[in-house]
C-alpha atoms as a PDB file:
ATOM      1  CA  UNK A   1      -0.207   4.868  23.508  1.00  0.00           C
ATOM      2  CA  UNK A   2      -3.463   6.416  22.399  1.00  0.00           C
ATOM      3  CA  UNK A   3      -6.248   4.551  20.671  1.00  0.00           C
ATOM      4  CA  UNK A   4      -5.491   6.366  17.408  1.00  0.00           C
ATOM      5  CA  UNK A   5      -1.908   5.151  17.409  1.00  0.00           C
ATOM      6  CA  UNK A   6      -3.021   1.630  18.290  1.00  0.00           C
ATOM      7  CA  UNK A   7      -5.555   1.627  15.476  1.00  0.00           C
ATOM      8  CA  UNK A   8      -2.965   2.801  12.950  1.00  0.00           C
ATOM      9  CA  UNK A   9      -0.422   0.219  14.068  1.00  0.00           C
ATOM     10  CA  UNK A  10      -3.044  -2.525  13.916  1.00  0.00           C
ATOM     11  CA  UNK A  11      -4.134  -1.423  10.429  1.00  0.00           C
ATOM     12  CA  UNK A  12      -0.539  -1.605   9.218  1.00  0.00           C
ATOM     13  CA  UNK A  13       0.055  -5.007  10.815  1.00  0.00           C
ATOM     14  CA  UNK A  14      -3.199  -6.440   9.450  1.00  0.00           C
ATOM     15  CA  UNK A  15      -2.397  -5.285   5.937  1.00  0.00           C
ATOM     16  CA  UNK A  16       1.111  -6.734   6.256  1.00  0.00           C
ATOM     17  CA  UNK A  17      -0.357 -10.060   7.399  1.00  0.00           C
ATOM     18  CA  UNK A  18      -2.833  -9.946   4.535  1.00  0.00           C
ATOM     19  CA  UNK A  19       0.005  -9.400   2.107  1.00  0.00           C
ATOM     20  CA  UNK A  20       2.071 -12.281   3.453  1.00  0.00           C
ATOM     21  CA  UNK A  21      -0.665 -14.852   4.054  1.00  0.00           C
ATOM     22  CA  UNK A  22      -3.238 -14.316   1.278  1.00  0.00           C
ATOM     23  CA  UNK A  23      -1.245 -14.004  -1.911  1.00  0.00           C
ATOM     24  CA  UNK A  24      -3.629 -15.566  -4.377  1.00  0.00           C
ATOM     25  CA  UNK A  25      -4.603 -12.616  -6.568  1.00  0.00           C
ATOM     26  CA  UNK A  26      -2.616  -9.624  -7.705  1.00  0.00           C
ATOM     27  CA  UNK A  27      -5.523  -7.328  -6.814  1.00  0.00           C
ATOM     28  CA  UNK A  28      -5.505  -8.407  -3.173  1.00  0.00           C
ATOM     29  CA  UNK A  29      -1.745  -7.880  -2.950  1.00  0.00           C
ATOM     30  CA  UNK A  30      -2.092  -4.392  -4.403  1.00  0.00           C
ATOM     31  CA  UNK A  31      -4.904  -3.567  -1.982  1.00  0.00           C
ATOM     32  CA  UNK A  32      -2.811  -4.688   0.985  1.00  0.00           C
ATOM     33  CA  UNK A  33       0.091  -2.524  -0.141  1.00  0.00           C
ATOM     34  CA  UNK A  34      -2.258   0.429  -0.579  1.00  0.00           C
ATOM     35  CA  UNK A  35      -3.689  -0.111   2.898  1.00  0.00           C
ATOM     36  CA  UNK A  36      -0.170  -0.110   4.312  1.00  0.00           C
ATOM     37  CA  UNK A  37       0.566   3.201   2.621  1.00  0.00           C
ATOM     38  CA  UNK A  38      -2.674   4.758   3.849  1.00  0.00           C
ATOM     39  CA  UNK A  39      -1.897   3.643   7.408  1.00  0.00           C
ATOM     40  CA  UNK A  40       1.559   5.193   7.110  1.00  0.00           C
ATOM     41  CA  UNK A  41       0.040   8.400   5.734  1.00  0.00           C
ATOM     42  CA  UNK A  42      -2.427   8.692   8.595  1.00  0.00           C
ATOM     43  CA  UNK A  43       0.284   7.924  11.157  1.00  0.00           C
ATOM     44  CA  UNK A  44       2.461  10.612   9.636  1.00  0.00           C
ATOM     45  CA  UNK A  45      -0.423  13.086   9.733  1.00  0.00           C
ATOM     46  CA  UNK A  46      -0.977  12.366  13.448  1.00  0.00           C
ATOM     47  CA  UNK A  47       2.738  12.756  14.088  1.00  0.00           C
ATOM     48  CA  UNK A  48       2.899  16.057  12.213  1.00  0.00           C
ATOM     49  CA  UNK A  49      -0.049  17.413  14.195  1.00  0.00           C
ATOM     50  CA  UNK A  50       1.705  16.541  17.438  1.00  0.00           C
ATOM     51  CA  UNK A  51       5.081  17.971  16.417  1.00  0.00           C
ATOM     52  CA  UNK A  52       3.721  21.137  14.733  1.00  0.00           C
ATOM     53  CA  UNK A  53       6.830  21.920  12.709  1.00  0.00           C
ATOM     54  CA  UNK A  54       6.383  23.825   9.474  1.00  0.00           C
ATOM     55  CA  UNK A  55       9.491  22.319   7.886  1.00  0.00           C
ATOM     56  CA  UNK A  56       8.030  18.793   7.815  1.00  0.00           C
ATOM     57  CA  UNK A  57       4.519  19.734   6.718  1.00  0.00           C
ATOM     58  CA  UNK A  58       5.021  18.453   3.154  1.00  0.00           C
ATOM     59  CA  UNK A  59       6.135  14.933   4.129  1.00  0.00           C
ATOM     60  CA  UNK A  60       2.608  13.426   4.315  1.00  0.00           C
ATOM     61  CA  UNK A  61       1.682  14.943   0.953  1.00  0.00           C
ATOM     62  CA  UNK A  62       4.846  13.519  -0.569  1.00  0.00           C
ATOM     63  CA  UNK A  63       3.951  10.074   0.771  1.00  0.00           C
ATOM     64  CA  UNK A  64       0.438  10.426  -0.614  1.00  0.00           C
ATOM     65  CA  UNK A  65       1.849  11.366  -4.019  1.00  0.00           C
ATOM     66  CA  UNK A  66       4.100   8.298  -4.035  1.00  0.00           C
ATOM     67  CA  UNK A  67       1.121   6.200  -2.983  1.00  0.00           C
ATOM     68  CA  UNK A  68      -0.906   7.445  -5.949  1.00  0.00           C
ATOM     69  CA  UNK A  69       1.996   6.711  -8.308  1.00  0.00           C
ATOM     70  CA  UNK A  70       2.321   3.223  -6.852  1.00  0.00           C
ATOM     71  CA  UNK A  71      -1.375   2.598  -7.308  1.00  0.00           C
ATOM     72  CA  UNK A  72      -1.320   3.685 -10.946  1.00  0.00           C
ATOM     73  CA  UNK A  73       1.753   1.569 -11.681  1.00  0.00           C
ATOM     74  CA  UNK A  74       0.156  -1.413  -9.933  1.00  0.00           C
ATOM     75  CA  UNK A  75      -3.060  -1.092 -11.912  1.00  0.00           C
ATOM     76  CA  UNK A  76      -1.102  -0.799 -15.150  1.00  0.00           C
ATOM     77  CA  UNK A  77       0.764  -3.971 -14.199  1.00  0.00           C
ATOM     78  CA  UNK A  78      -2.543  -5.667 -13.406  1.00  0.00           C
ATOM     79  CA  UNK A  79      -4.001  -4.760 -16.799  1.00  0.00           C
ATOM     80  CA  UNK A  80      -0.852  -5.899 -18.612  1.00  0.00           C
ATOM     81  CA  UNK A  81      -0.701  -9.259 -16.841  1.00  0.00           C
ATOM     82  CA  UNK A  82      -4.409  -9.858 -17.264  1.00  0.00           C
ATOM     83  CA  UNK A  83      -4.127  -9.228 -20.986  1.00  0.00           C
ATOM     84  CA  UNK A  84      -1.126 -11.482 -21.466  1.00  0.00           C
ATOM     85  CA  UNK A  85      -1.974 -14.331 -19.040  1.00  0.00           C
ATOM     86  CA  UNK A  86      -5.794 -13.979 -18.944  1.00  0.00           C
ATOM     87  CA  UNK A  87      -5.788 -14.189 -15.127  1.00  0.00           C
ATOM     88  CA  UNK A  88      -4.515 -12.326 -12.090  1.00  0.00           C
ATOM     89  CA  UNK A  89      -3.547 -15.366 -10.025  1.00  0.00           C
ATOM     90  CA  UNK A  90      -0.027 -14.905  -8.718  1.00  0.00           C
ATOM     91  CA  UNK A  91       0.829 -18.611  -9.001  1.00  0.00           C
ATOM     92  CA  UNK A  92       0.215 -18.571 -12.750  1.00  0.00           C
ATOM     93  CA  UNK A  93       2.616 -15.687 -13.341  1.00  0.00           C
ATOM     94  CA  UNK A  94       6.150 -16.659 -14.264  1.00  0.00           C
ATOM     95  CA  UNK A  95       8.494 -13.688 -14.305  1.00  0.00           C
ATOM     96  CA  UNK A  96      11.187 -15.622 -16.186  1.00  0.00           C
ATOM     97  CA  UNK A  97       9.053 -15.941 -19.325  1.00  0.00           C
ATOM     98  CA  UNK A  98       9.161 -13.276 -21.968  1.00  0.00           C
END
């Protein structure tokens, strides 16, 4: 295992731990999810450079596009919850309320 692969695996694991252990604010949860997607994107880029197949060259760009869509949807959700609840604390949000 190279140092690049180790660094990418550690980045993914640290962001997963951050998502599971520090769930106080919606912004921190969204940042952890974004870090996980960036680690996956970089790992896929390293894998595609090693494989060198032209048929799978668009997979990292597709993942990056989904990551950008997820980020925009997450920020829209953050703005909507901040406007309705006046905070971004996850413990104050009740999904069963209308």
